[in-house]
Amino acid sequence: MTLDEFVKAFAAEFDDTPEENFKADTHFRELEEWGSLTALSIISMVDDEFDAGVTGADLRKCKTIEELYNLIQEKL
Protein backbone atom coordinates (compact mmCIF):
# COMPACT_ATOMS: atom_id res chain seq x y z
CA MET A 1 0.00 0.00 0.00
CA THR A 2 1.36 3.39 -0.97
CA LEU A 3 1.27 6.43 1.28
CA ASP A 4 -1.58 7.93 -0.77
CA GLU A 5 -3.60 4.73 -0.44
CA PHE A 6 -2.91 4.69 3.29
CA VAL A 7 -4.13 8.28 3.64
CA LYS A 8 -7.40 7.29 1.88
CA ALA A 9 -7.81 4.19 4.07
CA PHE A 10 -7.08 6.30 7.16
CA ALA A 11 -9.68 8.88 6.09
CA ALA A 12 -12.28 6.13 5.55
CA GLU A 13 -12.21 5.41 9.29
CA PHE A 14 -13.71 8.85 10.01
CA ASP A 15 -17.44 9.37 9.58
CA ASP A 16 -17.82 13.13 9.80
CA THR A 17 -14.48 14.58 8.67
CA PRO A 18 -14.32 15.31 4.92
CA GLU A 19 -11.74 13.26 3.01
CA GLU A 20 -10.07 16.42 1.68
CA ASN A 21 -8.97 17.19 5.27
CA PHE A 22 -6.60 14.23 5.14
CA LYS A 23 -3.10 14.66 3.75
CA ALA A 24 0.17 12.90 4.58
CA ASP A 25 1.13 15.81 6.85
CA THR A 26 -2.22 15.97 8.68
CA HIS A 27 -1.82 15.99 12.46
CA PHE A 28 -4.50 13.39 12.96
CA ARG A 29 -4.82 13.67 16.75
CA GLU A 30 -5.81 17.33 16.30
CA LEU A 31 -8.87 16.41 14.24
CA GLU A 32 -12.13 17.14 16.05
CA GLU A 33 -13.40 13.61 15.41
CA TRP A 34 -10.26 11.93 16.83
CA GLY A 35 -10.88 9.89 19.94
CA SER A 36 -10.37 6.49 21.50
CA LEU A 37 -12.91 4.77 19.23
CA THR A 38 -11.30 6.22 16.12
CA ALA A 39 -7.89 5.11 17.41
CA LEU A 40 -9.23 1.57 17.79
CA SER A 41 -10.61 1.73 14.25
CA ILE A 42 -7.20 2.80 12.93
CA ILE A 43 -5.46 0.00 14.86
CA SER A 44 -7.94 -2.52 13.42
CA MET A 45 -7.52 -1.14 9.87
CA VAL A 46 -3.73 -1.39 10.14
CA ASP A 47 -4.01 -4.96 11.40
CA ASP A 48 -6.36 -5.90 8.54
CA GLU A 49 -4.46 -4.14 5.76
CA PHE A 50 -0.87 -4.71 6.86
CA ASP A 51 -1.03 -7.56 9.35
CA ALA A 52 1.13 -5.34 11.54
CA GLY A 53 0.49 -4.73 15.20
CA VAL A 54 0.16 -1.06 16.08
CA THR A 55 -0.54 -0.03 19.66
CA GLY A 56 -2.04 3.02 21.27
CA ALA A 57 1.48 3.96 22.33
CA ASP A 58 2.55 3.81 18.66
CA LEU A 59 -0.29 6.19 17.75
CA ARG A 60 0.75 8.59 20.51
CA LYS A 61 4.32 8.67 19.15
CA CYS A 62 3.14 9.77 15.72
CA LYS A 63 1.97 13.26 14.90
CA THR A 64 1.13 12.91 11.21
CA ILE A 65 -0.44 10.24 9.04
CA GLU A 66 2.88 9.89 7.21
CA GLU A 67 4.74 9.24 10.47
CA LEU A 68 2.27 6.46 11.27
CA TYR A 69 2.66 5.02 7.77
CA ASN A 70 6.46 5.04 8.15
CA LEU A 71 6.20 3.35 11.54
CA ILE A 72 4.07 0.61 10.03
CA GLN A 73 6.55 0.16 7.19
CA GLU A 74 9.32 -0.33 9.76
CA LYS A 75 7.28 -3.08 11.45
CA LEU A 76 6.79 -5.06 8.23
PDB file of N, CA and C in Angstrom:
ATOM      1  N   MET A   1       0.846  -1.172   0.000  1.00  0.00           N
ATOM      2  CA  MET A   1       0.000   0.000   0.000  1.00  0.00           C
ATOM      3  C   MET A   1       0.894   1.238   0.000  1.00  0.00           C
ATOM      4  N   THR A   2       0.593   2.142  -0.887  1.00  0.00           N
ATOM      5  CA  THR A   2       1.357   3.386  -0.970  1.00  0.00           C
ATOM      6  C   THR A   2       0.894   4.350   0.118  1.00  0.00           C
ATOM      7  N   LEU A   3       1.649   5.413   0.303  1.00  0.00           N
ATOM      8  CA  LEU A   3       1.271   6.432   1.276  1.00  0.00           C
ATOM      9  C   LEU A   3      -0.080   7.046   0.917  1.00  0.00           C
ATOM     10  N   ASP A   4      -0.302   7.347  -0.354  1.00  0.00           N
ATOM     11  CA  ASP A   4      -1.583   7.933  -0.771  1.00  0.00           C
ATOM     12  C   ASP A   4      -2.743   6.992  -0.479  1.00  0.00           C
ATOM     13  N   GLU A   5      -2.552   5.713  -0.735  1.00  0.00           N
ATOM     14  CA  GLU A   5      -3.597   4.727  -0.442  1.00  0.00           C
ATOM     15  C   GLU A   5      -3.850   4.639   1.058  1.00  0.00           C
ATOM     16  N   PHE A   6      -2.770   4.728   1.840  1.00  0.00           N
ATOM     17  CA  PHE A   6      -2.910   4.688   3.289  1.00  0.00           C
ATOM     18  C   PHE A   6      -3.687   5.899   3.792  1.00  0.00           C
ATOM     19  N   VAL A   7      -3.414   7.064   3.245  1.00  0.00           N
ATOM     20  CA  VAL A   7      -4.134   8.278   3.642  1.00  0.00           C
ATOM     21  C   VAL A   7      -5.627   8.098   3.373  1.00  0.00           C
ATOM     22  N   LYS A   8      -5.980   7.517   2.226  1.00  0.00           N
ATOM     23  CA  LYS A   8      -7.398   7.293   1.885  1.00  0.00           C
ATOM     24  C   LYS A   8      -8.028   6.280   2.832  1.00  0.00           C
ATOM     25  N   ALA A   9      -7.299   5.207   3.139  1.00  0.00           N
ATOM     26  CA  ALA A   9      -7.813   4.194   4.066  1.00  0.00           C
ATOM     27  C   ALA A   9      -7.969   4.781   5.465  1.00  0.00           C
ATOM     28  N   PHE A  10      -7.025   5.618   5.867  1.00  0.00           N
ATOM     29  CA  PHE A  10      -7.083   6.300   7.161  1.00  0.00           C
ATOM     30  C   PHE A  10      -8.325   7.183   7.207  1.00  0.00           C
ATOM     31  N   ALA A  11      -8.537   7.965   6.159  1.00  0.00           N
ATOM     32  CA  ALA A  11      -9.684   8.881   6.094  1.00  0.00           C
ATOM     33  C   ALA A  11     -11.008   8.120   6.141  1.00  0.00           C
ATOM     34  N   ALA A  12     -11.040   6.927   5.582  1.00  0.00           N
ATOM     35  CA  ALA A  12     -12.275   6.134   5.546  1.00  0.00           C
ATOM     36  C   ALA A  12     -12.734   5.723   6.945  1.00  0.00           C
ATOM     37  N   GLU A  13     -11.848   5.776   7.919  1.00  0.00           N
ATOM     38  CA  GLU A  13     -12.208   5.409   9.293  1.00  0.00           C
ATOM     39  C   GLU A  13     -12.936   6.533  10.029  1.00  0.00           C
ATOM     40  N   PHE A  14     -13.036   7.689   9.413  1.00  0.00           N
ATOM     41  CA  PHE A  14     -13.710   8.846  10.008  1.00  0.00           C
ATOM     42  C   PHE A  14     -15.056   9.034   9.327  1.00  0.00           C
ATOM     43  N   ASP A  15     -16.098   9.229  10.128  1.00  0.00           N
ATOM     44  CA  ASP A  15     -17.444   9.370   9.575  1.00  0.00           C
ATOM     45  C   ASP A  15     -17.792  10.795   9.180  1.00  0.00           C
ATOM     46  N   ASP A  16     -17.350  11.756   9.976  1.00  0.00           N
ATOM     47  CA  ASP A  16     -17.818  13.134   9.797  1.00  0.00           C
ATOM     48  C   ASP A  16     -16.782  14.105   9.248  1.00  0.00           C
ATOM     49  N   THR A  17     -15.538  13.693   9.149  1.00  0.00           N
ATOM     50  CA  THR A  17     -14.479  14.578   8.670  1.00  0.00           C
ATOM     51  C   THR A  17     -14.320  14.374   7.162  1.00  0.00           C
ATOM     52  N   PRO A  18     -14.442  15.437   6.371  1.00  0.00           N
ATOM     53  CA  PRO A  18     -14.317  15.308   4.917  1.00  0.00           C
ATOM     54  C   PRO A  18     -12.953  14.743   4.500  1.00  0.00           C
ATOM     55  N   GLU A  19     -12.962  13.911   3.478  1.00  0.00           N
ATOM     56  CA  GLU A  19     -11.736  13.259   3.014  1.00  0.00           C
ATOM     57  C   GLU A  19     -10.665  14.266   2.610  1.00  0.00           C
ATOM     58  N   GLU A  20     -11.062  15.426   2.116  1.00  0.00           N
ATOM     59  CA  GLU A  20     -10.073  16.420   1.683  1.00  0.00           C
ATOM     60  C   GLU A  20      -9.286  16.995   2.862  1.00  0.00           C
ATOM     61  N   ASN A  21      -9.718  16.739   4.089  1.00  0.00           N
ATOM     62  CA  ASN A  21      -8.969  17.193   5.266  1.00  0.00           C
ATOM     63  C   ASN A  21      -7.774  16.295   5.571  1.00  0.00           C
ATOM     64  N   PHE A  22      -7.651  15.194   4.858  1.00  0.00           N
ATOM     65  CA  PHE A  22      -6.597  14.225   5.144  1.00  0.00           C
ATOM     66  C   PHE A  22      -5.499  14.307   4.092  1.00  0.00           C
ATOM     67  N   LYS A  23      -4.314  14.625   4.567  1.00  0.00           N
ATOM     68  CA  LYS A  23      -3.102  14.658   3.746  1.00  0.00           C
ATOM     69  C   LYS A  23      -2.027  13.908   4.528  1.00  0.00           C
ATOM     70  N   ALA A  24      -0.912  13.617   3.895  1.00  0.00           N
ATOM     71  CA  ALA A  24       0.168  12.903   4.575  1.00  0.00           C
ATOM     72  C   ALA A  24       0.654  13.669   5.800  1.00  0.00           C
ATOM     73  N   ASP A  25       0.615  15.009   5.732  1.00  0.00           N
ATOM     74  CA  ASP A  25       1.134  15.809   6.847  1.00  0.00           C
ATOM     75  C   ASP A  25       0.054  16.252   7.843  1.00  0.00           C
ATOM     76  N   THR A  26      -1.143  15.659   7.742  1.00  0.00           N
ATOM     77  CA  THR A  26      -2.221  15.974   8.676  1.00  0.00           C
ATOM     78  C   THR A  26      -1.867  15.487  10.079  1.00  0.00           C
ATOM     79  N   HIS A  27      -2.009  16.357  11.056  1.00  0.00           N
ATOM     80  CA  HIS A  27      -1.820  15.993  12.461  1.00  0.00           C
ATOM     81  C   HIS A  27      -3.137  15.383  12.939  1.00  0.00           C
ATOM     82  N   PHE A  28      -3.212  14.066  12.801  1.00  0.00           N
ATOM     83  CA  PHE A  28      -4.499  13.386  12.963  1.00  0.00           C
ATOM     84  C   PHE A  28      -5.086  13.493  14.369  1.00  0.00           C
ATOM     85  N   ARG A  29      -4.276  13.582  15.391  1.00  0.00           N
ATOM     86  CA  ARG A  29      -4.817  13.667  16.748  1.00  0.00           C
ATOM     87  C   ARG A  29      -5.441  15.035  17.028  1.00  0.00           C
ATOM     88  N   GLU A  30      -5.212  16.007  16.152  1.00  0.00           N
ATOM     89  CA  GLU A  30      -5.811  17.332  16.304  1.00  0.00           C
ATOM     90  C   GLU A  30      -7.170  17.443  15.616  1.00  0.00           C
ATOM     91  N   LEU A  31      -7.566  16.396  14.899  1.00  0.00           N
ATOM     92  CA  LEU A  31      -8.869  16.411  14.236  1.00  0.00           C
ATOM     93  C   LEU A  31      -9.970  16.335  15.289  1.00  0.00           C
ATOM     94  N   GLU A  32     -11.028  17.090  15.086  1.00  0.00           N
ATOM     95  CA  GLU A  32     -12.128  17.142  16.046  1.00  0.00           C
ATOM     96  C   GLU A  32     -12.718  15.757  16.308  1.00  0.00           C
ATOM     97  N   GLU A  33     -12.777  14.932  15.301  1.00  0.00           N
ATOM     98  CA  GLU A  33     -13.397  13.613  15.412  1.00  0.00           C
ATOM     99  C   GLU A  33     -12.479  12.572  16.069  1.00  0.00           C
ATOM    100  N   TRP A  34     -11.204  12.891  16.256  1.00  0.00           N
ATOM    101  CA  TRP A  34     -10.262  11.932  16.825  1.00  0.00           C
ATOM    102  C   TRP A  34     -10.642  11.607  18.268  1.00  0.00           C
ATOM    103  N   GLY A  35     -10.601  10.335  18.583  1.00  0.00           N
ATOM    104  CA  GLY A  35     -10.883   9.889  19.945  1.00  0.00           C
ATOM    105  C   GLY A  35     -10.490   8.430  20.081  1.00  0.00           C
ATOM    106  N   SER A  36     -10.792   7.860  21.227  1.00  0.00           N
ATOM    107  CA  SER A  36     -10.366   6.486  21.496  1.00  0.00           C
ATOM    108  C   SER A  36     -11.006   5.485  20.542  1.00  0.00           C
ATOM    109  N   LEU A  37     -12.266   5.706  20.166  1.00  0.00           N
ATOM    110  CA  LEU A  37     -12.911   4.774  19.227  1.00  0.00           C
ATOM    111  C   LEU A  37     -12.293   4.860  17.836  1.00  0.00           C
ATOM    112  N   THR A  38     -11.960   6.059  17.417  1.00  0.00           N
ATOM    113  CA  THR A  38     -11.300   6.221  16.123  1.00  0.00           C
ATOM    114  C   THR A  38      -9.921   5.579  16.156  1.00  0.00           C
ATOM    115  N   ALA A  39      -9.211   5.734  17.265  1.00  0.00           N
ATOM    116  CA  ALA A  39      -7.894   5.113  17.411  1.00  0.00           C
ATOM    117  C   ALA A  39      -8.011   3.596  17.279  1.00  0.00           C
ATOM    118  N   LEU A  40      -9.016   3.021  17.913  1.00  0.00           N
ATOM    119  CA  LEU A  40      -9.228   1.574  17.793  1.00  0.00           C
ATOM    120  C   LEU A  40      -9.541   1.171  16.356  1.00  0.00           C
ATOM    121  N   SER A  41     -10.308   1.995  15.662  1.00  0.00           N
ATOM    122  CA  SER A  41     -10.609   1.726  14.248  1.00  0.00           C
ATOM    123  C   SER A  41      -9.343   1.755  13.403  1.00  0.00           C
ATOM    124  N   ILE A  42      -8.455   2.706  13.674  1.00  0.00           N
ATOM    125  CA  ILE A  42      -7.196   2.798  12.934  1.00  0.00           C
ATOM    126  C   ILE A  42      -6.328   1.581  13.226  1.00  0.00           C
ATOM    127  N   ILE A  43      -6.241   1.186  14.497  1.00  0.00           N
ATOM    128  CA  ILE A  43      -5.460   0.002  14.865  1.00  0.00           C
ATOM    129  C   ILE A  43      -5.995  -1.232  14.146  1.00  0.00           C
ATOM    130  N   SER A  44      -7.315  -1.382  14.108  1.00  0.00           N
ATOM    131  CA  SER A  44      -7.937  -2.517  13.424  1.00  0.00           C
ATOM    132  C   SER A  44      -7.665  -2.478  11.917  1.00  0.00           C
ATOM    133  N   MET A  45      -7.773  -1.290  11.307  1.00  0.00           N
ATOM    134  CA  MET A  45      -7.515  -1.144   9.875  1.00  0.00           C
ATOM    135  C   MET A  45      -6.080  -1.523   9.551  1.00  0.00           C
ATOM    136  N   VAL A  46      -5.145  -1.076  10.369  1.00  0.00           N
ATOM    137  CA  VAL A  46      -3.730  -1.392  10.141  1.00  0.00           C
ATOM    138  C   VAL A  46      -3.510  -2.894  10.247  1.00  0.00           C
ATOM    139  N   ASP A  47      -4.137  -3.519  11.233  1.00  0.00           N
ATOM    140  CA  ASP A  47      -4.008  -4.964  11.405  1.00  0.00           C
ATOM    141  C   ASP A  47      -4.570  -5.702  10.192  1.00  0.00           C
ATOM    142  N   ASP A  48      -5.732  -5.260   9.701  1.00  0.00           N
ATOM    143  CA  ASP A  48      -6.359  -5.904   8.537  1.00  0.00           C
ATOM    144  C   ASP A  48      -5.564  -5.702   7.255  1.00  0.00           C
ATOM    145  N   GLU A  49      -5.111  -4.480   7.026  1.00  0.00           N
ATOM    146  CA  GLU A  49      -4.457  -4.142   5.761  1.00  0.00           C
ATOM    147  C   GLU A  49      -2.983  -4.543   5.711  1.00  0.00           C
ATOM    148  N   PHE A  50      -2.308  -4.485   6.849  1.00  0.00           N
ATOM    149  CA  PHE A  50      -0.866  -4.710   6.863  1.00  0.00           C
ATOM    150  C   PHE A  50      -0.442  -5.942   7.649  1.00  0.00           C
ATOM    151  N   ASP A  51      -1.370  -6.473   8.440  1.00  0.00           N
ATOM    152  CA  ASP A  51      -1.027  -7.563   9.352  1.00  0.00           C
ATOM    153  C   ASP A  51       0.145  -7.153  10.240  1.00  0.00           C
ATOM    154  N   ALA A  52       0.090  -5.898  10.679  1.00  0.00           N
ATOM    155  CA  ALA A  52       1.134  -5.339  11.543  1.00  0.00           C
ATOM    156  C   ALA A  52       0.476  -4.825  12.814  1.00  0.00           C
ATOM    157  N   GLY A  53       1.045  -5.170  13.942  1.00  0.00           N
ATOM    158  CA  GLY A  53       0.491  -4.727  15.204  1.00  0.00           C
ATOM    159  C   GLY A  53       0.901  -3.311  15.537  1.00  0.00           C
ATOM    160  N   VAL A  54      -0.077  -2.443  15.675  1.00  0.00           N
ATOM    161  CA  VAL A  54       0.158  -1.060  16.079  1.00  0.00           C
ATOM    162  C   VAL A  54      -0.585  -0.871  17.396  1.00  0.00           C
ATOM    163  N   THR A  55       0.053  -0.236  18.338  1.00  0.00           N
ATOM    164  CA  THR A  55      -0.540  -0.033  19.657  1.00  0.00           C
ATOM    165  C   THR A  55      -0.969   1.417  19.846  1.00  0.00           C
ATOM    166  N   GLY A  56      -1.684   1.650  20.921  1.00  0.00           N
ATOM    167  CA  GLY A  56      -2.039   3.017  21.274  1.00  0.00           C
ATOM    168  C   GLY A  56      -0.801   3.859  21.511  1.00  0.00           C
ATOM    169  N   ALA A  57       0.221   3.243  22.104  1.00  0.00           N
ATOM    170  CA  ALA A  57       1.482   3.960  22.328  1.00  0.00           C
ATOM    171  C   ALA A  57       2.125   4.359  21.005  1.00  0.00           C
ATOM    172  N   ASP A  58       2.024   3.480  19.997  1.00  0.00           N
ATOM    173  CA  ASP A  58       2.547   3.810  18.665  1.00  0.00           C
ATOM    174  C   ASP A  58       1.818   5.020  18.102  1.00  0.00           C
ATOM    175  N   LEU A  59       0.488   5.049  18.254  1.00  0.00           N
ATOM    176  CA  LEU A  59      -0.286   6.189  17.750  1.00  0.00           C
ATOM    177  C   LEU A  59       0.113   7.474  18.460  1.00  0.00           C
ATOM    178  N   ARG A  60       0.372   7.388  19.755  1.00  0.00           N
ATOM    179  CA  ARG A  60       0.751   8.588  20.506  1.00  0.00           C
ATOM    180  C   ARG A  60       2.118   9.116  20.090  1.00  0.00           C
ATOM    181  N   LYS A  61       2.989   8.248  19.598  1.00  0.00           N
ATOM    182  CA  LYS A  61       4.323   8.670  19.151  1.00  0.00           C
ATOM    183  C   LYS A  61       4.264   9.438  17.836  1.00  0.00           C
ATOM    184  N   CYS A  62       3.241   9.182  17.056  1.00  0.00           N
ATOM    185  CA  CYS A  62       3.140   9.767  15.716  1.00  0.00           C
ATOM    186  C   CYS A  62       2.285  11.028  15.747  1.00  0.00           C
ATOM    187  N   LYS A  63       2.724  12.012  15.000  1.00  0.00           N
ATOM    188  CA  LYS A  63       1.970  13.258  14.898  1.00  0.00           C
ATOM    189  C   LYS A  63       1.171  13.300  13.599  1.00  0.00           C
ATOM    190  N   THR A  64       1.775  12.816  12.522  1.00  0.00           N
ATOM    191  CA  THR A  64       1.128  12.907  11.214  1.00  0.00           C
ATOM    192  C   THR A  64       0.782  11.515  10.690  1.00  0.00           C
ATOM    193  N   ILE A  65      -0.070  11.495   9.689  1.00  0.00           N
ATOM    194  CA  ILE A  65      -0.438  10.237   9.043  1.00  0.00           C
ATOM    195  C   ILE A  65       0.798   9.608   8.411  1.00  0.00           C
ATOM    196  N   GLU A  66       1.658  10.421   7.833  1.00  0.00           N
ATOM    197  CA  GLU A  66       2.876   9.888   7.212  1.00  0.00           C
ATOM    198  C   GLU A  66       3.797   9.245   8.252  1.00  0.00           C
ATOM    199  N   GLU A  67       3.906   9.846   9.423  1.00  0.00           N
ATOM    200  CA  GLU A  67       4.738   9.243  10.474  1.00  0.00           C
ATOM    201  C   GLU A  67       4.193   7.871  10.869  1.00  0.00           C
ATOM    202  N   LEU A  68       2.876   7.747  10.955  1.00  0.00           N
ATOM    203  CA  LEU A  68       2.265   6.457  11.273  1.00  0.00           C
ATOM    204  C   LEU A  68       2.538   5.459  10.156  1.00  0.00           C
ATOM    205  N   TYR A  69       2.386   5.889   8.927  1.00  0.00           N
ATOM    206  CA  TYR A  69       2.665   5.023   7.774  1.00  0.00           C
ATOM    207  C   TYR A  69       4.110   4.530   7.816  1.00  0.00           C
ATOM    208  N   ASN A  70       5.047   5.421   8.081  1.00  0.00           N
ATOM    209  CA  ASN A  70       6.460   5.039   8.145  1.00  0.00           C
ATOM    210  C   ASN A  70       6.721   4.066   9.294  1.00  0.00           C
ATOM    211  N   LEU A  71       6.068   4.267  10.415  1.00  0.00           N
ATOM    212  CA  LEU A  71       6.202   3.351  11.539  1.00  0.00           C
ATOM    213  C   LEU A  71       5.717   1.960  11.168  1.00  0.00           C
ATOM    214  N   ILE A  72       4.603   1.905  10.480  1.00  0.00           N
ATOM    215  CA  ILE A  72       4.068   0.607  10.032  1.00  0.00           C
ATOM    216  C   ILE A  72       5.045  -0.057   9.070  1.00  0.00           C
ATOM    217  N   GLN A  73       5.597   0.717   8.148  1.00  0.00           N
ATOM    218  CA  GLN A  73       6.554   0.159   7.194  1.00  0.00           C
ATOM    219  C   GLN A  73       7.761  -0.436   7.907  1.00  0.00           C
ATOM    220  N   GLU A  74       8.195   0.193   8.993  1.00  0.00           N
ATOM    221  CA  GLU A  74       9.324  -0.331   9.764  1.00  0.00           C
ATOM    222  C   GLU A  74       8.992  -1.663  10.429  1.00  0.00           C
ATOM    223  N   LYS A  75       7.720  -1.857  10.773  1.00  0.00           N
ATOM    224  CA  LYS A  75       7.284  -3.075  11.446  1.00  0.00           C
ATOM    225  C   LYS A  75       7.103  -4.248  10.497  1.00  0.00           C
ATOM    226  N   LEU A  76       7.026  -3.970   9.209  1.00  0.00           N
ATOM    227  CA  LEU A  76       6.794  -5.056   8.232  1.00  0.00           C
ATOM    228  C   LEU A  76       8.052  -5.844   7.951  1.00  0.00           C
TER     229      LEU A  76
END
